[in-house]
Amino acid sequence: MRKIFLIILGDIELFLYICRKFPANMDNIDIELSKVIDAAVQSSIDIGQVASLKDLYKEKKNSLNLSDRQIQKILGMDSKTINPILNGTAKQINFINVVKLAHFLGLSVNDLIKVYVPELAPKQIGEIQRAREAGYIVENFDVSILVKMKFFNSNASSKDMSDKIKRFFDIDNIYSYSENSLLPVFSRSKRNSNDLMRNFWIQSAFIQFKSIANPNPYIRKELVELIPKIRPYTRDIKNGLIRVLKALFRIGVTVIYQPSLEKIQVRGATMIINDKPCIVLSNLQNNYPTLWFTLLHELHHVLFDFDEIKKQTYHISNNEGDIFLMNEEQADNFACEYLLNESRLKFASGYITSHYNIEKLAKEWGVHSSIIYAMYCYKTNEWAFYNKYIPKMNEALDLINTHPFEKETLMESVQQIKEFLYN
């Protein structure tokens, strides 16, 4: 109800301020307000049969045998105030006057608005629609962070934001954003900034996967046969990853890259869309070995958690543990085993101070030397000594990073992905 009050007042900024300032207290405020606002006498009027607020007013006036002046005196409203409301021409309506009129007619404020709104001028209805969209945007998007990352302009109006959302996600109206089955995972009352940004990140990936629409069938056996062949490609920083992603695409597994965002520490994610696995790689920690570790970690989920992920639609891997309590340790062990098993890591640890010997072992085992250093450092935390041997992700991502959040629409990103996956 509070949203409707502020819409009537036409003060969108006030509405946004209150939503941000007092989120936890609004329910108690609603209860107290309802005691004052609810009609004292329950009306038997079927508002569906009411042609206009003016007609309803005339009916009430005749039934009470009162003149306009008498009613104005009773309500404490003059003709210049009440007539524009009844005629649907008021530019701004004082909320107190709405409550007064609702009590006089024996209607709730909600019912009065239902009768009143259809009589408004198109411009006024447009203002109400923008207020509704503003409320939806602050409830479903972390506006401050999206402004910070330049997704929204700092001086964007609610209309500008609405238009941007529709273009970016390629949707007809902004309300379609939350109609997707991905979002109800989080209770609306419990959503915080982390949830909103996680939803934004997941929704962005989901839209891209749906639009890419991998035409190849997914056959689990083919993935099982492919995984042992992945490791040697780690040695080719520039082209190795893209070659593996193309091979995965041909067996029905789609992999894209999407950078992590503020408020979410995402390493990777797995989705099941149209019965086919889809994997998102991200830039958490921003080192080359993490890309391969994440890919194999997510492939473990594809092999062993397919049905569970299909029920939930997606799974996120991050540093805070799995949101659906899947066994992340098994997925980590799987990735380690295929990249550099425990016995090889133990052997390499004896030569870790000799870069020459580590390079020699890496070549012999068909793995990039940075993976040996990274896995050693995960156990010993000696990053300061060996970081110089661990490259960043940049070169490996050069061909697959479409910079999706910098695009005007995700369809631009989809087109780029199709070009490098299909060729």
Foldseek 3Di string as FASTA:
>chain_A
DVLVLVLLQLCLVVVLVCCVPPVPCVVVVVVVVCVLQAAPAADPDDLVPDQALLVLVVVLCVVVVHDPVVLCVVLVHDCVQPVCQRQQNDPHHDSSSLSSSCNSSNHGSVSNCVRRVVNHDPVSVVSSVLSVLSVVCVLQAVVVQCCVVVLDPPPDGSVNVFVLCCFALVHPGNVVLCVDLQLVVDDSSPDDNLSSLVSVQVSLQVSLCVVLPLPAEADLVVLVVCLLVLALLQQPLQCSVLVSQLVCSNNQEHEAEDEHGPSDFFQKKWFQDPNGIYIYGYQRVQWSLSRQLRVQLVVVCVNPVVVVRHVNRMWTDGPVATPVNDPSVVSNQRSCCSNPHPVRLVVVVVVVVPPVVLCVSCVVVSHQSLNSVVVVCVVVVPCVVCVVSIHGNCSNCVQRCPVSSVDSYSVSSSVSSCVSNVD
